[in-house]
Protein backbone atom coordinates (compact mmCIF):
# COMPACT_ATOMS: atom_id res chain seq x y z
CA MET A 1 -10.04 17.83 4.64
CA GLU A 2 -12.63 20.44 3.70
CA LYS A 3 -15.36 18.15 5.03
CA LEU A 4 -13.45 17.74 8.29
CA ALA A 5 -13.17 21.52 8.67
CA LEU A 6 -16.89 22.00 7.99
CA THR A 7 -17.83 19.28 10.46
CA MET A 8 -15.53 20.75 13.11
CA LYS A 9 -17.11 24.17 12.63
CA ASP A 10 -20.59 22.66 12.98
CA VAL A 11 -19.72 20.64 16.07
CA GLY A 12 -17.63 23.31 17.73
CA ARG A 13 -14.65 23.08 20.01
CA ASN A 14 -14.06 20.21 22.43
CA VAL A 15 -14.19 17.67 19.63
CA GLY A 16 -12.36 14.35 19.43
CA ILE A 17 -10.99 13.21 16.09
CA ALA A 18 -10.12 9.52 15.65
CA CYS A 19 -8.18 8.86 12.45
CA SER A 20 -7.86 5.44 10.84
CA LEU A 21 -4.16 6.11 10.13
CA ASP A 22 -1.46 8.29 11.64
CA TYR A 23 -1.01 9.83 8.19
CA LEU A 24 -4.59 11.10 8.28
CA ALA A 25 -3.99 12.53 11.75
CA CYS A 26 -1.28 14.65 10.15
CA SER A 27 -3.95 16.28 7.98
CA ALA A 28 -6.25 16.67 10.98
CA TYR A 29 -3.46 18.60 12.73
CA ARG A 30 -3.17 20.93 9.73
CA VAL A 31 -6.93 21.53 9.55
CA THR A 32 -7.16 22.14 13.29
CA ARG A 33 -4.32 24.64 13.27
CA LYS A 34 -5.58 26.36 10.11
CA MET A 35 -8.86 26.98 11.97
CA GLY A 36 -6.90 28.59 14.80
CA TRP A 37 -7.77 25.82 17.24
CA LYS A 38 -5.37 24.33 19.77
CA ILE A 39 -4.55 20.66 20.23
CA PRO A 40 -5.70 19.13 22.65
CA GLU A 41 -7.57 22.04 24.24
CA ASP A 42 -10.02 22.53 21.33
CA ALA A 43 -9.62 19.23 19.46
CA GLY A 44 -8.14 15.95 20.62
CA ILE A 45 -6.63 13.83 17.86
CA THR A 46 -5.83 10.12 17.90
CA GLY A 47 -4.12 8.18 15.15
CA TYR A 48 -3.78 4.50 14.36
CA ASN A 49 -0.66 2.41 13.71
CA ASN A 50 1.68 4.16 16.19
CA ASN A 51 4.35 4.99 13.63
CA PRO A 52 7.65 6.07 15.24
CA TRP A 53 7.49 9.55 13.69
CA VAL A 54 4.27 10.50 15.52
CA ARG A 55 6.35 11.52 18.55
CA VAL A 56 7.69 14.52 16.61
CA PHE A 57 4.24 16.08 16.22
CA ASP A 58 3.64 19.13 18.37
CA PRO A 59 2.07 17.97 20.63
CA PRO A 60 3.04 14.31 20.15
CA LEU A 61 0.22 12.25 18.63
CA THR A 62 -1.75 9.76 20.72
CA SER A 63 -1.94 6.58 18.67
CA ILE A 64 -3.17 3.01 18.81
CA SER A 65 -1.05 0.00 17.87
CA ILE A 66 -2.65 -3.22 16.72
CA GLN A 67 0.61 -5.13 17.32
CA GLU A 68 0.99 -6.48 13.78
CA GLU A 69 4.05 -8.57 14.72
CA GLU A 70 2.15 -10.40 17.48
CA ILE A 71 -0.85 -11.00 15.21
CA GLY A 72 1.46 -12.36 12.49
CA LYS A 73 3.28 -14.64 14.92
CA GLU A 74 0.06 -16.08 16.36
CA THR A 75 -1.43 -16.53 12.88
CA ALA A 76 1.68 -18.37 11.65
CA LEU A 77 1.61 -20.67 14.69
CA ALA A 78 -2.07 -21.42 14.09
CA ILE A 79 -1.37 -22.30 10.45
CA ILE A 80 1.63 -24.48 11.31
CA LYS A 81 -0.30 -26.33 14.02
CA ASN A 82 -3.44 -26.52 11.87
CA ARG A 83 -5.63 -25.00 14.54
CA ARG A 84 -7.85 -21.98 15.07
CA MET A 85 -6.27 -18.90 16.54
CA SER A 86 -7.60 -18.64 20.08
CA LYS A 87 -5.42 -15.90 21.53
CA ILE A 88 -6.96 -12.44 21.70
CA ILE A 89 -4.45 -9.71 20.90
CA GLU A 90 -5.67 -6.41 22.21
CA PRO A 91 -4.62 -3.07 20.74
CA VAL A 92 -2.38 -0.83 22.81
CA LEU A 93 -3.08 2.86 23.38
CA PHE A 94 -0.04 5.14 23.43
CA GLU A 95 -1.41 8.25 25.10
CA ARG A 96 0.57 11.36 24.25
CA GLY A 97 -0.02 15.10 24.13
CA SER A 98 -2.70 15.25 21.42
CA THR A 99 -5.38 14.03 23.80
CA GLU A 100 -6.25 15.22 27.25
CA ARG A 101 -7.64 13.04 30.01
CA ARG A 102 -10.51 14.56 31.92
């Protein structure tokens, strides 16, 4: 998280932070607040996996879901039917308070 803080200082406010997991976004919240910055005014943060607990963040975390259940279902059907998976399953963005639309 030290590297994140140094990068944020170099870049300055109005930065967007995209984390590969919601758990990492938790650390990004801590770093941002430790620097005295506000979310989303100074730094927008987005997580990945859309865990249920991200709604309790203050402000609630914007997160992306890859719909693991749908991917698993379509993969199983492809295996059972001995065919290639042709359905595209797009991720879903759950926009909450940690990002600000402009």
